[in-house]
PDB file of all heavy atoms in Angstrom:
ATOM      1  N   LEU A   1      27.624 -26.446 -80.895  1.00  0.00           N
ATOM      2  CA  LEU A   1      26.616 -25.452 -81.248  1.00  0.00           C
ATOM      3  C   LEU A   1      26.943 -24.154 -80.514  1.00  0.00           C
ATOM      4  O   LEU A   1      27.077 -24.144 -79.295  1.00  0.00           O
ATOM      5  CB  LEU A   1      25.217 -25.930 -80.844  1.00  0.00           C
ATOM      6  CG  LEU A   1      24.731 -27.255 -81.443  1.00  0.00           C
ATOM      7  CD1 LEU A   1      23.381 -27.628 -80.844  1.00  0.00           C
ATOM      8  CD2 LEU A   1      24.616 -27.154 -82.955  1.00  0.00           C
ATOM      9  N   ASN A   2      27.069 -23.068 -81.264  1.00  0.00           N
ATOM     10  CA  ASN A   2      27.356 -21.768 -80.665  1.00  0.00           C
ATOM     11  C   ASN A   2      26.544 -20.692 -81.370  1.00  0.00           C
ATOM     12  O   ASN A   2      26.351 -20.754 -82.591  1.00  0.00           O
ATOM     13  CB  ASN A   2      28.845 -21.424 -80.775  1.00  0.00           C
ATOM     14  CG  ASN A   2      29.718 -22.319 -79.919  1.00  0.00           C
ATOM     15  OD1 ASN A   2      29.895 -22.076 -78.737  1.00  0.00           O
ATOM     16  ND2 ASN A   2      30.253 -23.386 -80.517  1.00  0.00           N
ATOM     17  N   GLY A   3      26.098 -19.720 -80.613  1.00  0.00           N
ATOM     18  CA  GLY A   3      25.330 -18.646 -81.218  1.00  0.00           C
ATOM     19  C   GLY A   3      25.157 -17.466 -80.287  1.00  0.00           C
ATOM     20  O   GLY A   3      25.279 -17.597 -79.067  1.00  0.00           O
ATOM     21  N   ILE A   4      24.905 -16.306 -80.883  1.00  0.00           N
ATOM     22  CA  ILE A   4      24.643 -15.081 -80.132  1.00  0.00           C
ATOM     23  C   ILE A   4      23.297 -14.523 -80.574  1.00  0.00           C
ATOM     24  O   ILE A   4      23.011 -14.451 -81.773  1.00  0.00           O
ATOM     25  CB  ILE A   4      25.751 -14.034 -80.359  1.00  0.00           C
ATOM     26  CG1 ILE A   4      27.092 -14.558 -79.843  1.00  0.00           C
ATOM     27  CG2 ILE A   4      25.405 -12.722 -79.676  1.00  0.00           C
ATOM     28  CD1 ILE A   4      28.256 -13.617 -80.115  1.00  0.00           C
ATOM     29  N   LEU A   5      22.507 -14.139 -79.612  1.00  0.00           N
ATOM     30  CA  LEU A   5      21.182 -13.587 -79.900  1.00  0.00           C
ATOM     31  C   LEU A   5      20.997 -12.314 -79.082  1.00  0.00           C
ATOM     32  O   LEU A   5      21.332 -12.282 -77.896  1.00  0.00           O
ATOM     33  CB  LEU A   5      20.099 -14.611 -79.533  1.00  0.00           C
ATOM     34  CG  LEU A   5      18.642 -14.247 -79.866  1.00  0.00           C
ATOM     35  CD1 LEU A   5      18.449 -14.141 -81.377  1.00  0.00           C
ATOM     36  CD2 LEU A   5      17.690 -15.288 -79.290  1.00  0.00           C
ATOM     37  N   ALA A   6      20.482 -11.264 -79.703  1.00  0.00           N
ATOM     38  CA  ALA A   6      20.252  -9.994 -79.009  1.00  0.00           C
ATOM     39  C   ALA A   6      18.839  -9.508 -79.291  1.00  0.00           C
ATOM     40  O   ALA A   6      18.335  -9.632 -80.414  1.00  0.00           O
ATOM     41  CB  ALA A   6      21.273  -8.944 -79.450  1.00  0.00           C
ATOM     42  N   ARG A   7      18.213  -8.978 -78.277  1.00  0.00           N
ATOM     43  CA  ARG A   7      16.851  -8.455 -78.405  1.00  0.00           C
ATOM     44  C   ARG A   7      16.717  -7.189 -77.558  1.00  0.00           C
ATOM     45  O   ARG A   7      17.395  -7.022 -76.551  1.00  0.00           O
ATOM     46  CB  ARG A   7      15.812  -9.491 -77.968  1.00  0.00           C
ATOM     47  CG  ARG A   7      15.614 -10.646 -78.935  1.00  0.00           C
ATOM     48  CD  ARG A   7      14.944 -10.174 -80.217  1.00  0.00           C
ATOM     49  NE  ARG A   7      14.659 -11.278 -81.135  1.00  0.00           N
ATOM     50  CZ  ARG A   7      15.495 -11.720 -82.050  1.00  0.00           C
ATOM     51  NH1 ARG A   7      16.714 -11.176 -82.135  1.00  0.00           N
ATOM     52  NH2 ARG A   7      15.159 -12.694 -82.873  1.00  0.00           N
ATOM     53  N   THR A   8      15.813  -6.307 -77.971  1.00  0.00           N
ATOM     54  CA  THR A   8      15.529  -5.089 -77.211  1.00  0.00           C
ATOM     55  C   THR A   8      14.043  -5.019 -76.884  1.00  0.00           C
ATOM     56  O   THR A   8      13.215  -5.575 -77.602  1.00  0.00           O
ATOM     57  CB  THR A   8      15.938  -3.826 -77.997  1.00  0.00           C
ATOM     58  OG1 THR A   8      15.191  -3.786 -79.228  1.00  0.00           O
ATOM     59  CG2 THR A   8      17.417  -3.830 -78.301  1.00  0.00           C
ATOM     60  N   LYS A   9      13.751  -4.323 -75.811  1.00  0.00           N
ATOM     61  CA  LYS A   9      12.360  -4.152 -75.388  1.00  0.00           C
ATOM     62  C   LYS A   9      12.229  -2.819 -74.661  1.00  0.00           C
ATOM     63  O   LYS A   9      13.162  -2.384 -73.978  1.00  0.00           O
ATOM     64  CB  LYS A   9      11.930  -5.294 -74.468  1.00  0.00           C
ATOM     65  CG  LYS A   9      10.487  -5.204 -73.971  1.00  0.00           C
ATOM     66  CD  LYS A   9      10.171  -6.305 -72.968  1.00  0.00           C
ATOM     67  CE  LYS A   9      10.055  -7.639 -73.643  1.00  0.00           C
ATOM     68  NZ  LYS A   9       9.587  -8.701 -72.704  1.00  0.00           N
ATOM     69  N   GLU A  10      11.076  -2.189 -74.808  1.00  0.00           N
ATOM     70  CA  GLU A  10      10.831  -0.924 -74.115  1.00  0.00           C
ATOM     71  C   GLU A  10       9.441  -0.929 -73.511  1.00  0.00           C
ATOM     72  O   GLU A  10       8.492  -1.460 -74.103  1.00  0.00           O
ATOM     73  CB  GLU A  10      10.973   0.251 -75.085  1.00  0.00           C
ATOM     74  CG  GLU A  10      10.827   1.610 -74.431  1.00  0.00           C
ATOM     75  CD  GLU A  10      11.084   2.765 -75.390  1.00  0.00           C
ATOM     76  OE1 GLU A  10      12.256   2.917 -75.805  1.00  0.00           O
ATOM     77  OE2 GLU A  10      10.116   3.480 -75.730  1.00  0.00           O
ATOM     78  N   MET A  11       9.310  -0.350 -72.339  1.00  0.00           N
ATOM     79  CA  MET A  11       7.999  -0.212 -71.715  1.00  0.00           C
ATOM     80  C   MET A  11       7.962   1.061 -70.875  1.00  0.00           C
ATOM     81  O   MET A  11       9.004   1.609 -70.499  1.00  0.00           O
ATOM     82  CB  MET A  11       7.667  -1.433 -70.852  1.00  0.00           C
ATOM     83  CG  MET A  11       8.415  -1.541 -69.557  1.00  0.00           C
ATOM     84  SD  MET A  11       7.789  -2.897 -68.543  1.00  0.00           S
ATOM     85  CE  MET A  11       8.719  -2.635 -67.030  1.00  0.00           C
ATOM     86  N   LYS A  12       6.748   1.533 -70.596  1.00  0.00           N
ATOM     87  CA  LYS A  12       6.558   2.751 -69.812  1.00  0.00           C
ATOM     88  C   LYS A  12       5.744   2.425 -68.563  1.00  0.00           C
ATOM     89  O   LYS A  12       4.831   1.606 -68.606  1.00  0.00           O
ATOM     90  CB  LYS A  12       5.856   3.817 -70.648  1.00  0.00           C
ATOM     91  CG  LYS A  12       6.647   4.254 -71.890  1.00  0.00           C
ATOM     92  CD  LYS A  12       5.905   5.324 -72.667  1.00  0.00           C
ATOM     93  CE  LYS A  12       6.642   5.703 -73.939  1.00  0.00           C
ATOM     94  NZ  LYS A  12       7.936   6.338 -73.680  1.00  0.00           N
ATOM     95  N   LYS A  13       6.106   3.092 -67.475  1.00  0.00           N
ATOM     96  CA  LYS A  13       5.406   2.888 -66.202  1.00  0.00           C
ATOM     97  C   LYS A  13       5.174   4.231 -65.522  1.00  0.00           C
ATOM     98  O   LYS A  13       6.007   5.131 -65.595  1.00  0.00           O
ATOM     99  CB  LYS A  13       6.234   2.010 -65.268  1.00  0.00           C
ATOM    100  CG  LYS A  13       6.516   0.609 -65.783  1.00  0.00           C
ATOM    101  CD  LYS A  13       5.338  -0.332 -65.613  1.00  0.00           C
ATOM    102  CE  LYS A  13       5.132  -0.724 -64.180  1.00  0.00           C
ATOM    103  NZ  LYS A  13       4.095  -1.757 -64.020  1.00  0.00           N
ATOM    104  N   VAL A  14       4.024   4.364 -64.861  1.00  0.00           N
ATOM    105  CA  VAL A  14       3.746   5.526 -64.027  1.00  0.00           C
ATOM    106  C   VAL A  14       4.243   5.214 -62.618  1.00  0.00           C
ATOM    107  O   VAL A  14       3.905   4.173 -62.046  1.00  0.00           O
ATOM    108  CB  VAL A  14       2.243   5.863 -64.001  1.00  0.00           C
ATOM    109  CG1 VAL A  14       1.970   7.031 -63.051  1.00  0.00           C
ATOM    110  CG2 VAL A  14       1.748   6.189 -65.409  1.00  0.00           C
ATOM    111  N   LEU A  15       5.066   6.099 -62.069  1.00  0.00           N
ATOM    112  CA  LEU A  15       5.739   5.849 -60.793  1.00  0.00           C
ATOM    113  C   LEU A  15       5.338   6.883 -59.739  1.00  0.00           C
ATOM    114  O   LEU A  15       4.930   8.000 -60.063  1.00  0.00           O
ATOM    115  CB  LEU A  15       7.257   5.893 -60.990  1.00  0.00           C
ATOM    116  CG  LEU A  15       7.828   4.987 -62.094  1.00  0.00           C
ATOM    117  CD1 LEU A  15       9.260   5.385 -62.397  1.00  0.00           C
ATOM    118  CD2 LEU A  15       7.731   3.526 -61.700  1.00  0.00           C
ATOM    119  N   LYS A  16       5.479   6.483 -58.475  1.00  0.00           N
ATOM    120  CA  LYS A  16       5.212   7.406 -57.372  1.00  0.00           C
ATOM    121  C   LYS A  16       6.436   8.239 -57.042  1.00  0.00           C
ATOM    122  O   LYS A  16       6.331   9.408 -56.672  1.00  0.00           O
ATOM    123  CB  LYS A  16       4.751   6.622 -56.141  1.00  0.00           C
ATOM    124  CG  LYS A  16       3.391   5.952 -56.310  1.00  0.00           C
ATOM    125  CD  LYS A  16       2.981   5.223 -55.036  1.00  0.00           C
ATOM    126  CE  LYS A  16       1.614   4.582 -55.198  1.00  0.00           C
ATOM    127  NZ  LYS A  16       1.203   3.845 -53.972  1.00  0.00           N
ATOM    128  N   THR A  17       7.616   7.619 -57.131  1.00  0.00           N
ATOM    129  CA  THR A  17       8.875   8.316 -56.873  1.00  0.00           C
ATOM    130  C   THR A  17       9.874   7.950 -57.972  1.00  0.00           C
ATOM    131  O   THR A  17       9.647   7.020 -58.749  1.00  0.00           O
ATOM    132  CB  THR A  17       9.467   7.925 -55.506  1.00  0.00           C
ATOM    133  OG1 THR A  17       9.727   6.512 -55.502  1.00  0.00           O
ATOM    134  CG2 THR A  17       8.514   8.268 -54.375  1.00  0.00           C
ATOM    135  N   TYR A  18      10.987   8.690 -58.011  1.00  0.00           N
ATOM    136  CA  TYR A  18      11.970   8.457 -59.066  1.00  0.00           C
ATOM    137  C   TYR A  18      12.717   7.136 -58.901  1.00  0.00           C
ATOM    138  O   TYR A  18      12.936   6.418 -59.859  1.00  0.00           O
ATOM    139  CB  TYR A  18      12.963   9.618 -59.120  1.00  0.00           C
ATOM    140  CG  TYR A  18      12.368  10.865 -59.736  1.00  0.00           C
ATOM    141  CD1 TYR A  18      11.916  11.907 -58.938  1.00  0.00           C
ATOM    142  CD2 TYR A  18      12.260  10.983 -61.118  1.00  0.00           C
ATOM    143  CE1 TYR A  18      11.358  13.056 -59.507  1.00  0.00           C
ATOM    144  CE2 TYR A  18      11.711  12.123 -61.693  1.00  0.00           C
ATOM    145  CZ  TYR A  18      11.257  13.153 -60.890  1.00  0.00           C
ATOM    146  OH  TYR A  18      10.705  14.274 -61.449  1.00  0.00           O
ATOM    147  N   CYS A  19      13.128   6.825 -57.702  1.00  0.00           N
ATOM    148  CA  CYS A  19      13.928   5.605 -57.519  1.00  0.00           C
ATOM    149  C   CYS A  19      13.633   4.964 -56.175  1.00  0.00           C
ATOM    150  O   CYS A  19      14.461   4.995 -55.261  1.00  0.00           O
ATOM    151  CB  CYS A  19      15.416   5.922 -57.659  1.00  0.00           C
ATOM    152  SG  CYS A  19      16.448   4.442 -57.738  1.00  0.00           S
ATOM    153  N   ASP A  20      12.467   4.360 -56.062  1.00  0.00           N
ATOM    154  CA  ASP A  20      12.141   3.565 -54.885  1.00  0.00           C
ATOM    155  C   ASP A  20      12.746   2.180 -55.096  1.00  0.00           C
ATOM    156  O   ASP A  20      12.367   1.465 -56.035  1.00  0.00           O
ATOM    157  CB  ASP A  20      10.633   3.472 -54.700  1.00  0.00           C
ATOM    158  CG  ASP A  20      10.258   2.581 -53.539  1.00  0.00           C
ATOM    159  OD1 ASP A  20      10.364   3.022 -52.383  1.00  0.00           O
ATOM    160  OD2 ASP A  20       9.879   1.415 -53.789  1.00  0.00           O
ATOM    161  N   ALA A  21      13.681   1.790 -54.238  1.00  0.00           N
ATOM    162  CA  ALA A  21      14.451   0.555 -54.458  1.00  0.00           C
ATOM    163  C   ALA A  21      13.561  -0.675 -54.552  1.00  0.00           C
ATOM    164  O   ALA A  21      13.768  -1.545 -55.407  1.00  0.00           O
ATOM    165  CB  ALA A  21      15.483   0.382 -53.341  1.00  0.00           C
ATOM    166  N   ILE A  22      12.545  -0.768 -53.687  1.00  0.00           N
ATOM    167  CA  ILE A  22      11.666  -1.941 -53.678  1.00  0.00           C
ATOM    168  C   ILE A  22      10.858  -2.022 -54.965  1.00  0.00           C
ATOM    169  O   ILE A  22      10.798  -3.075 -55.625  1.00  0.00           O
ATOM    170  CB  ILE A  22      10.741  -1.913 -52.450  1.00  0.00           C
ATOM    171  CG1 ILE A  22      11.554  -1.987 -51.157  1.00  0.00           C
ATOM    172  CG2 ILE A  22       9.727  -3.063 -52.507  1.00  0.00           C
ATOM    173  CD1 ILE A  22      10.743  -1.817 -49.895  1.00  0.00           C
ATOM    174  N   ASN A  23      10.250  -0.912 -55.356  1.00  0.00           N
ATOM    175  CA  ASN A  23       9.427  -0.885 -56.564  1.00  0.00           C
ATOM    176  C   ASN A  23      10.257  -1.109 -57.820  1.00  0.00           C
ATOM    177  O   ASN A  23       9.884  -1.885 -58.712  1.00  0.00           O
ATOM    178  CB  ASN A  23       8.693   0.452 -56.652  1.00  0.00           C
ATOM    179  CG  ASN A  23       7.664   0.472 -57.778  1.00  0.00           C
ATOM    180  OD1 ASN A  23       6.978  -0.513 -58.022  1.00  0.00           O
ATOM    181  ND2 ASN A  23       7.566   1.589 -58.455  1.00  0.00           N
ATOM    182  N   GLN A  24      11.433  -0.446 -57.893  1.00  0.00           N
ATOM    183  CA  GLN A  24      12.281  -0.590 -59.070  1.00  0.00           C
ATOM    184  C   GLN A  24      12.845  -2.004 -59.191  1.00  0.00           C
ATOM    185  O   GLN A  24      12.992  -2.529 -60.300  1.00  0.00           O
ATOM    186  CB  GLN A  24      13.436   0.427 -59.015  1.00  0.00           C
ATOM    187  CG  GLN A  24      13.012   1.874 -59.166  1.00  0.00           C
ATOM    188  CD  GLN A  24      12.533   2.213 -60.564  1.00  0.00           C
ATOM    189  OE1 GLN A  24      12.527   1.380 -61.462  1.00  0.00           O
ATOM    190  NE2 GLN A  24      12.122   3.462 -60.753  1.00  0.00           N
ATOM    191  N   THR A  25      13.156  -2.628 -58.082  1.00  0.00           N
ATOM    192  CA  THR A  25      13.649  -4.009 -58.119  1.00  0.00           C
ATOM    193  C   THR A  25      12.608  -4.939 -58.736  1.00  0.00           C
ATOM    194  O   THR A  25      12.932  -5.809 -59.552  1.00  0.00           O
ATOM    195  CB  THR A  25      14.013  -4.497 -56.704  1.00  0.00           C
ATOM    196  OG1 THR A  25      15.047  -3.675 -56.168  1.00  0.00           O
ATOM    197  CG2 THR A  25      14.501  -5.942 -56.733  1.00  0.00           C
ATOM    198  N   GLU A  26      11.350  -4.747 -58.361  1.00  0.00           N
ATOM    199  CA  GLU A  26      10.268  -5.584 -58.901  1.00  0.00           C
ATOM    200  C   GLU A  26      10.095  -5.356 -60.395  1.00  0.00           C
ATOM    201  O   GLU A  26       9.979  -6.317 -61.170  1.00  0.00           O
ATOM    202  CB  GLU A  26       8.966  -5.269 -58.171  1.00  0.00           C
ATOM    203  CG  GLU A  26       7.799  -6.120 -58.646  1.00  0.00           C
ATOM    204  CD  GLU A  26       6.496  -5.794 -57.917  1.00  0.00           C
ATOM    205  OE1 GLU A  26       6.545  -5.079 -56.892  1.00  0.00           O
ATOM    206  OE2 GLU A  26       5.436  -6.243 -58.382  1.00  0.00           O
ATOM    207  N   ILE A  27      10.093  -4.091 -60.817  1.00  0.00           N
ATOM    208  CA  ILE A  27       9.897  -3.773 -62.237  1.00  0.00           C
ATOM    209  C   ILE A  27      11.052  -4.318 -63.077  1.00  0.00           C
ATOM    210  O   ILE A  27      10.844  -4.997 -64.090  1.00  0.00           O
ATOM    211  CB  ILE A  27       9.777  -2.247 -62.436  1.00  0.00           C
ATOM    212  CG1 ILE A  27       8.503  -1.723 -61.758  1.00  0.00           C
ATOM    213  CG2 ILE A  27       9.753  -1.900 -63.926  1.00  0.00           C
ATOM    214  CD1 ILE A  27       8.424  -0.210 -61.697  1.00  0.00           C
ATOM    215  N   ILE A  28      12.279  -4.015 -62.651  1.00  0.00           N
ATOM    216  CA  ILE A  28      13.461  -4.431 -63.420  1.00  0.00           C
ATOM    217  C   ILE A  28      13.612  -5.946 -63.415  1.00  0.00           C
ATOM    218  O   ILE A  28      13.905  -6.560 -64.451  1.00  0.00           O
ATOM    219  CB  ILE A  28      14.718  -3.749 -62.843  1.00  0.00           C
ATOM    220  CG1 ILE A  28      14.639  -2.241 -63.064  1.00  0.00           C
ATOM    221  CG2 ILE A  28      15.990  -4.328 -63.474  1.00  0.00           C
ATOM    222  CD1 ILE A  28      15.676  -1.436 -62.298  1.00  0.00           C
ATOM    223  N   GLY A  29      13.404  -6.561 -62.261  1.00  0.00           N
ATOM    224  CA  GLY A  29      13.523  -8.020 -62.169  1.00  0.00           C
ATOM    225  C   GLY A  29      12.544  -8.742 -63.073  1.00  0.00           C
ATOM    226  O   GLY A  29      12.920  -9.681 -63.787  1.00  0.00           O
ATOM    227  N   ARG A  30      11.291  -8.285 -63.073  1.00  0.00           N
ATOM    228  CA  ARG A  30      10.275  -8.929 -63.926  1.00  0.00           C
ATOM    229  C   ARG A  30      10.583  -8.725 -65.409  1.00  0.00           C
ATOM    230  O   ARG A  30      10.416  -9.627 -66.226  1.00  0.00           O
ATOM    231  CB  ARG A  30       8.894  -8.364 -63.599  1.00  0.00           C
ATOM    232  CG  ARG A  30       7.751  -9.110 -64.292  1.00  0.00           C
ATOM    233  CD  ARG A  30       6.414  -8.511 -63.900  1.00  0.00           C
ATOM    234  NE  ARG A  30       6.179  -8.634 -62.479  1.00  0.00           N
ATOM    235  CZ  ARG A  30       5.676  -9.738 -61.918  1.00  0.00           C
ATOM    236  NH1 ARG A  30       5.382 -10.785 -62.671  1.00  0.00           N
ATOM    237  NH2 ARG A  30       5.478  -9.790 -60.623  1.00  0.00           N
ATOM    238  N   MET A  31      11.058  -7.523 -65.763  1.00  0.00           N
ATOM    239  CA  MET A  31      11.354  -7.236 -67.171  1.00  0.00           C
ATOM    240  C   MET A  31      12.485  -8.116 -67.695  1.00  0.00           C
ATOM    241  O   MET A  31      12.412  -8.672 -68.800  1.00  0.00           O
ATOM    242  CB  MET A  31      11.721  -5.756 -67.320  1.00  0.00           C
ATOM    243  CG  MET A  31      11.770  -5.260 -68.747  1.00  0.00           C
ATOM    244  SD  MET A  31      12.031  -3.472 -68.823  1.00  0.00           S
ATOM    245  CE  MET A  31      11.923  -3.214 -70.607  1.00  0.00           C
TER     246      MET A  31
END
């Protein structure tokens, strides 16, 4: 059995800073 599956998703978030490593890690990891 072999197969390829692709999906896209988009979401918006209000942020305090442009690239806070701790906050961005949580958002990206959960997504």
